[in-house]
Amino acid sequence: LSCAASGRAFSSYAMGWFRQAPGKER
């Protein structure tokens, strides 16, 4: 998976991946 970010100062952000299955919480 890839996640492209636009906007300012990407390098100052921590990044995460989350998931949500049907009927379940993220």
PDB file of all heavy atoms in Angstrom:
ATOM      1  N   LEU A   1       0.834  -1.187   0.000  1.00  0.00           N
ATOM      2  CA  LEU A   1       0.000   0.000   0.000  1.00  0.00           C
ATOM      3  C   LEU A   1       0.876   1.248   0.000  1.00  0.00           C
ATOM      4  O   LEU A   1       1.955   1.258   0.595  1.00  0.00           O
ATOM      5  CB  LEU A   1      -0.910   0.033   1.218  1.00  0.00           C
ATOM      6  CG  LEU A   1      -1.802  -1.185   1.448  1.00  0.00           C
ATOM      7  CD1 LEU A   1      -2.694  -0.954   2.669  1.00  0.00           C
ATOM      8  CD2 LEU A   1      -2.623  -1.508   0.218  1.00  0.00           C
ATOM      9  N   SER A   2       0.387   2.273  -0.673  1.00  0.00           N
ATOM     10  CA  SER A   2       1.056   3.568  -0.677  1.00  0.00           C
ATOM     11  C   SER A   2       0.084   4.628  -0.207  1.00  0.00           C
ATOM     12  O   SER A   2      -1.123   4.514  -0.405  1.00  0.00           O
ATOM     13  CB  SER A   2       1.546   3.916  -2.081  1.00  0.00           C
ATOM     14  OG  SER A   2       2.478   2.980  -2.557  1.00  0.00           O
ATOM     15  N   CYS A   3       0.630   5.660   0.392  1.00  0.00           N
ATOM     16  CA  CYS A   3      -0.176   6.800   0.833  1.00  0.00           C
ATOM     17  C   CYS A   3       0.583   8.060   0.450  1.00  0.00           C
ATOM     18  O   CYS A   3       1.647   8.347   1.008  1.00  0.00           O
ATOM     19  CB  CYS A   3      -0.412   6.747   2.329  1.00  0.00           C
ATOM     20  SG  CYS A   3      -1.237   8.219   2.996  1.00  0.00           S
ATOM     21  N   ALA A   4       0.026   8.794  -0.495  1.00  0.00           N
ATOM     22  CA  ALA A   4       0.635  10.033  -0.955  1.00  0.00           C
ATOM     23  C   ALA A   4       0.041  11.209  -0.194  1.00  0.00           C
ATOM     24  O   ALA A   4      -1.187  11.337  -0.099  1.00  0.00           O
ATOM     25  CB  ALA A   4       0.413  10.204  -2.443  1.00  0.00           C
ATOM     26  N   ALA A   5       0.905  12.040   0.339  1.00  0.00           N
ATOM     27  CA  ALA A   5       0.462  13.188   1.126  1.00  0.00           C
ATOM     28  C   ALA A   5       0.732  14.485   0.394  1.00  0.00           C
ATOM     29  O   ALA A   5       1.787  14.637  -0.237  1.00  0.00           O
ATOM     30  CB  ALA A   5       1.175  13.203   2.476  1.00  0.00           C
ATOM     31  N   SER A   6      -0.199  15.382   0.476  1.00  0.00           N
ATOM     32  CA  SER A   6       0.014  16.718  -0.060  1.00  0.00           C
ATOM     33  C   SER A   6      -0.232  17.713   1.064  1.00  0.00           C
ATOM     34  O   SER A   6      -0.936  17.444   2.023  1.00  0.00           O
ATOM     35  CB  SER A   6      -0.933  17.003  -1.222  1.00  0.00           C
ATOM     36  OG  SER A   6      -2.279  16.905  -0.819  1.00  0.00           O
ATOM     37  N   GLY A   7       0.360  18.866   0.941  1.00  0.00           N
ATOM     38  CA  GLY A   7       0.256  19.834   2.012  1.00  0.00           C
ATOM     39  C   GLY A   7       1.638  20.172   2.536  1.00  0.00           C
ATOM     40  O   GLY A   7       2.660  19.804   1.962  1.00  0.00           O
ATOM     41  N   ARG A   8       1.649  20.811   3.669  1.00  0.00           N
ATOM     42  CA  ARG A   8       2.901  21.348   4.170  1.00  0.00           C
ATOM     43  C   ARG A   8       3.602  20.423   5.154  1.00  0.00           C
ATOM     44  O   ARG A   8       2.969  19.729   5.927  1.00  0.00           O
ATOM     45  CB  ARG A   8       2.626  22.696   4.844  1.00  0.00           C
ATOM     46  CG  ARG A   8       2.056  23.739   3.906  1.00  0.00           C
ATOM     47  CD  ARG A   8       1.639  24.972   4.662  1.00  0.00           C
ATOM     48  NE  ARG A   8       2.741  25.556   5.390  1.00  0.00           N
ATOM     49  CZ  ARG A   8       2.604  26.619   6.192  1.00  0.00           C
ATOM     50  NH1 ARG A   8       1.422  27.153   6.373  1.00  0.00           N
ATOM     51  NH2 ARG A   8       3.647  27.101   6.825  1.00  0.00           N
ATOM     52  N   ALA A   9       4.913  20.435   5.110  1.00  0.00           N
ATOM     53  CA  ALA A   9       5.744  19.856   6.168  1.00  0.00           C
ATOM     54  C   ALA A   9       5.436  18.389   6.453  1.00  0.00           C
ATOM     55  O   ALA A   9       5.269  17.998   7.623  1.00  0.00           O
ATOM     56  CB  ALA A   9       5.619  20.666   7.447  1.00  0.00           C
ATOM     57  N   PHE A  10       5.393  17.577   5.411  1.00  0.00           N
ATOM     58  CA  PHE A  10       5.124  16.153   5.586  1.00  0.00           C
ATOM     59  C   PHE A  10       6.096  15.535   6.581  1.00  0.00           C
ATOM     60  O   PHE A  10       5.729  14.678   7.389  1.00  0.00           O
ATOM     61  CB  PHE A  10       5.229  15.454   4.228  1.00  0.00           C
ATOM     62  CG  PHE A  10       5.140  13.956   4.307  1.00  0.00           C
ATOM     63  CD1 PHE A  10       3.924  13.334   4.534  1.00  0.00           C
ATOM     64  CD2 PHE A  10       6.262  13.156   4.139  1.00  0.00           C
ATOM     65  CE1 PHE A  10       3.821  11.953   4.590  1.00  0.00           C
ATOM     66  CE2 PHE A  10       6.177  11.777   4.192  1.00  0.00           C
ATOM     67  CZ  PHE A  10       4.949  11.172   4.415  1.00  0.00           C
ATOM     68  N   SER A  11       7.337  15.965   6.549  1.00  0.00           N
ATOM     69  CA  SER A  11       8.352  15.348   7.395  1.00  0.00           C
ATOM     70  C   SER A  11       8.165  15.663   8.873  1.00  0.00           C
ATOM     71  O   SER A  11       8.854  15.088   9.711  1.00  0.00           O
ATOM     72  CB  SER A  11       9.751  15.758   6.948  1.00  0.00           C
ATOM     73  OG  SER A  11       9.888  17.159   7.034  1.00  0.00           O
ATOM     74  N   SER A  12       7.244  16.546   9.204  1.00  0.00           N
ATOM     75  CA  SER A  12       6.984  16.839  10.612  1.00  0.00           C
ATOM     76  C   SER A  12       5.808  16.032  11.155  1.00  0.00           C
ATOM     77  O   SER A  12       5.415  16.218  12.314  1.00  0.00           O
ATOM     78  CB  SER A  12       6.711  18.323  10.802  1.00  0.00           C
ATOM     79  OG  SER A  12       5.461  18.696  10.230  1.00  0.00           O
ATOM     80  N   TYR A  13       5.272  15.136  10.335  1.00  0.00           N
ATOM     81  CA  TYR A  13       4.139  14.325  10.742  1.00  0.00           C
ATOM     82  C   TYR A  13       4.565  12.872  10.962  1.00  0.00           C
ATOM     83  O   TYR A  13       5.261  12.295  10.131  1.00  0.00           O
ATOM     84  CB  TYR A  13       3.049  14.339   9.675  1.00  0.00           C
ATOM     85  CG  TYR A  13       2.268  15.628   9.616  1.00  0.00           C
ATOM     86  CD1 TYR A  13       2.768  16.730   8.937  1.00  0.00           C
ATOM     87  CD2 TYR A  13       1.035  15.744  10.248  1.00  0.00           C
ATOM     88  CE1 TYR A  13       2.058  17.923   8.897  1.00  0.00           C
ATOM     89  CE2 TYR A  13       0.314  16.917  10.203  1.00  0.00           C
ATOM     90  CZ  TYR A  13       0.832  18.006   9.524  1.00  0.00           C
ATOM     91  OH  TYR A  13       0.128  19.179   9.487  1.00  0.00           O
ATOM     92  N   ALA A  14       4.120  12.299  12.057  1.00  0.00           N
ATOM     93  CA  ALA A  14       4.157  10.846  12.186  1.00  0.00           C
ATOM     94  C   ALA A  14       3.039  10.283  11.318  1.00  0.00           C
ATOM     95  O   ALA A  14       2.002  10.928  11.130  1.00  0.00           O
ATOM     96  CB  ALA A  14       3.957  10.441  13.636  1.00  0.00           C
ATOM     97  N   MET A  15       3.263   9.096  10.786  1.00  0.00           N
ATOM     98  CA  MET A  15       2.289   8.495   9.877  1.00  0.00           C
ATOM     99  C   MET A  15       1.870   7.126  10.390  1.00  0.00           C
ATOM    100  O   MET A  15       2.684   6.389  10.961  1.00  0.00           O
ATOM    101  CB  MET A  15       2.881   8.358   8.486  1.00  0.00           C
ATOM    102  CG  MET A  15       3.308   9.678   7.854  1.00  0.00           C
ATOM    103  SD  MET A  15       1.923  10.806   7.590  1.00  0.00           S
ATOM    104  CE  MET A  15       0.963   9.875   6.380  1.00  0.00           C
ATOM    105  N   GLY A  16       0.622   6.809  10.165  1.00  0.00           N
ATOM    106  CA  GLY A  16       0.122   5.519  10.625  1.00  0.00           C
ATOM    107  C   GLY A  16      -0.787   4.866   9.611  1.00  0.00           C
ATOM    108  O   GLY A  16      -1.297   5.517   8.699  1.00  0.00           O
ATOM    109  N   TRP A  17      -0.936   3.568   9.780  1.00  0.00           N
ATOM    110  CA  TRP A  17      -1.912   2.791   9.014  1.00  0.00           C
ATOM    111  C   TRP A  17      -2.888   2.156  10.004  1.00  0.00           C
ATOM    112  O   TRP A  17      -2.471   1.602  11.040  1.00  0.00           O
ATOM    113  CB  TRP A  17      -1.242   1.695   8.191  1.00  0.00           C
ATOM    114  CG  TRP A  17      -0.511   2.189   6.995  1.00  0.00           C
ATOM    115  CD1 TRP A  17       0.824   2.463   6.894  1.00  0.00           C
ATOM    116  CD2 TRP A  17      -1.058   2.462   5.700  1.00  0.00           C
ATOM    117  NE1 TRP A  17       1.132   2.889   5.626  1.00  0.00           N
ATOM    118  CE2 TRP A  17      -0.003   2.899   4.876  1.00  0.00           C
ATOM    119  CE3 TRP A  17      -2.345   2.389   5.150  1.00  0.00           C
ATOM    120  CZ2 TRP A  17      -0.187   3.251   3.530  1.00  0.00           C
ATOM    121  CZ3 TRP A  17      -2.542   2.736   3.833  1.00  0.00           C
ATOM    122  CH2 TRP A  17      -1.472   3.159   3.025  1.00  0.00           C
ATOM    123  N   PHE A  18      -4.145   2.240   9.674  1.00  0.00           N
ATOM    124  CA  PHE A  18      -5.208   1.622  10.445  1.00  0.00           C
ATOM    125  C   PHE A  18      -6.066   0.790   9.499  1.00  0.00           C
ATOM    126  O   PHE A  18      -5.975   0.946   8.282  1.00  0.00           O
ATOM    127  CB  PHE A  18      -6.075   2.701  11.114  1.00  0.00           C
ATOM    128  CG  PHE A  18      -5.365   3.470  12.187  1.00  0.00           C
ATOM    129  CD1 PHE A  18      -4.411   4.419  11.875  1.00  0.00           C
ATOM    130  CD2 PHE A  18      -5.651   3.244  13.531  1.00  0.00           C
ATOM    131  CE1 PHE A  18      -3.744   5.132  12.870  1.00  0.00           C
ATOM    132  CE2 PHE A  18      -4.990   3.933  14.526  1.00  0.00           C
ATOM    133  CZ  PHE A  18      -4.045   4.892  14.202  1.00  0.00           C
ATOM    134  N   ARG A  19      -6.893  -0.092  10.058  1.00  0.00           N
ATOM    135  CA  ARG A  19      -7.787  -0.862   9.214  1.00  0.00           C
ATOM    136  C   ARG A  19      -9.128  -1.066   9.907  1.00  0.00           C
ATOM    137  O   ARG A  19      -9.205  -1.034  11.135  1.00  0.00           O
ATOM    138  CB  ARG A  19      -7.171  -2.206   8.830  1.00  0.00           C
ATOM    139  CG  ARG A  19      -6.973  -3.162   9.989  1.00  0.00           C
ATOM    140  CD  ARG A  19      -6.192  -4.396   9.519  1.00  0.00           C
ATOM    141  NE  ARG A  19      -6.019  -5.376  10.590  1.00  0.00           N
ATOM    142  CZ  ARG A  19      -5.271  -6.466  10.486  1.00  0.00           C
ATOM    143  NH1 ARG A  19      -4.622  -6.731   9.352  1.00  0.00           N
ATOM    144  NH2 ARG A  19      -5.183  -7.303  11.505  1.00  0.00           N
ATOM    145  N   GLN A  20     -10.151  -1.283   9.086  1.00  0.00           N
ATOM    146  CA  GLN A  20     -11.483  -1.533   9.632  1.00  0.00           C
ATOM    147  C   GLN A  20     -12.138  -2.632   8.807  1.00  0.00           C
ATOM    148  O   GLN A  20     -12.357  -2.460   7.603  1.00  0.00           O
ATOM    149  CB  GLN A  20     -12.333  -0.268   9.613  1.00  0.00           C
ATOM    150  CG  GLN A  20     -13.668  -0.450  10.313  1.00  0.00           C
ATOM    151  CD  GLN A  20     -14.373   0.876  10.558  1.00  0.00           C
ATOM    152  OE1 GLN A  20     -14.073   1.894   9.935  1.00  0.00           O
ATOM    153  NE2 GLN A  20     -15.306   0.870  11.493  1.00  0.00           N
ATOM    154  N   ALA A  21     -12.426  -3.731   9.471  1.00  0.00           N
ATOM    155  CA  ALA A  21     -13.124  -4.851   8.840  1.00  0.00           C
ATOM    156  C   ALA A  21     -14.630  -4.664   9.022  1.00  0.00           C
ATOM    157  O   ALA A  21     -15.063  -3.957   9.942  1.00  0.00           O
ATOM    158  CB  ALA A  21     -12.675  -6.163   9.465  1.00  0.00           C
ATOM    159  N   PRO A  22     -15.440  -5.281   8.171  1.00  0.00           N
ATOM    160  CA  PRO A  22     -16.894  -5.135   8.297  1.00  0.00           C
ATOM    161  C   PRO A  22     -17.385  -5.531   9.681  1.00  0.00           C
ATOM    162  O   PRO A  22     -17.018  -6.591  10.205  1.00  0.00           O
ATOM    163  CB  PRO A  22     -17.427  -6.094   7.227  1.00  0.00           C
ATOM    164  CG  PRO A  22     -16.335  -6.186   6.227  1.00  0.00           C
ATOM    165  CD  PRO A  22     -15.056  -6.091   7.010  1.00  0.00           C
ATOM    166  N   GLY A  23     -18.179  -4.669  10.282  1.00  0.00           N
ATOM    167  CA  GLY A  23     -18.750  -4.958  11.587  1.00  0.00           C
ATOM    168  C   GLY A  23     -17.803  -4.793  12.753  1.00  0.00           C
ATOM    169  O   GLY A  23     -18.167  -5.101  13.890  1.00  0.00           O
ATOM    170  N   LYS A  24     -16.595  -4.309  12.484  1.00  0.00           N
ATOM    171  CA  LYS A  24     -15.607  -4.141  13.562  1.00  0.00           C
ATOM    172  C   LYS A  24     -15.157  -2.697  13.647  1.00  0.00           C
ATOM    173  O   LYS A  24     -15.321  -1.919  12.717  1.00  0.00           O
ATOM    174  CB  LYS A  24     -14.407  -5.056  13.316  1.00  0.00           C
ATOM    175  CG  LYS A  24     -14.727  -6.536  13.374  1.00  0.00           C
ATOM    176  CD  LYS A  24     -13.463  -7.366  13.299  1.00  0.00           C
ATOM    177  CE  LYS A  24     -13.764  -8.845  13.446  1.00  0.00           C
ATOM    178  NZ  LYS A  24     -12.518  -9.669  13.404  1.00  0.00           N
ATOM    179  N   GLU A  25     -14.578  -2.365  14.784  1.00  0.00           N
ATOM    180  CA  GLU A  25     -14.047  -1.019  14.962  1.00  0.00           C
ATOM    181  C   GLU A  25     -12.713  -0.881  14.221  1.00  0.00           C
ATOM    182  O   GLU A  25     -12.006  -1.854  13.987  1.00  0.00           O
ATOM    183  CB  GLU A  25     -13.854  -0.725  16.444  1.00  0.00           C
ATOM    184  CG  GLU A  25     -15.161  -0.628  17.219  1.00  0.00           C
ATOM    185  CD  GLU A  25     -14.949  -0.149  18.640  1.00  0.00           C
ATOM    186  OE1 GLU A  25     -13.781  -0.022  19.060  1.00  0.00           O
ATOM    187  OE2 GLU A  25     -15.953   0.094  19.335  1.00  0.00           O
ATOM    188  N   ARG A  26     -12.390   0.350  13.902  1.00  0.00           N
ATOM    189  CA  ARG A  26     -11.106   0.612  13.282  1.00  0.00           C
ATOM    190  C   ARG A  26      -9.987   0.294  14.264  1.00  0.00           C
ATOM    191  O   ARG A  26     -10.091   0.624  15.454  1.00  0.00           O
ATOM    192  CB  ARG A  26     -11.025   2.077  12.853  1.00  0.00           C
ATOM    193  CG  ARG A  26      -9.796   2.441  12.052  1.00  0.00           C
ATOM    194  CD  ARG A  26      -9.955   3.794  11.413  1.00  0.00           C
ATOM    195  NE  ARG A  26     -10.203   4.839  12.400  1.00  0.00           N
ATOM    196  CZ  ARG A  26     -10.594   6.072  12.099  1.00  0.00           C
ATOM    197  NH1 ARG A  26     -10.806   6.394  10.843  1.00  0.00           N
ATOM    198  NH2 ARG A  26     -10.781   6.957  13.053  1.00  0.00           N
TER     199      ARG A  26
END
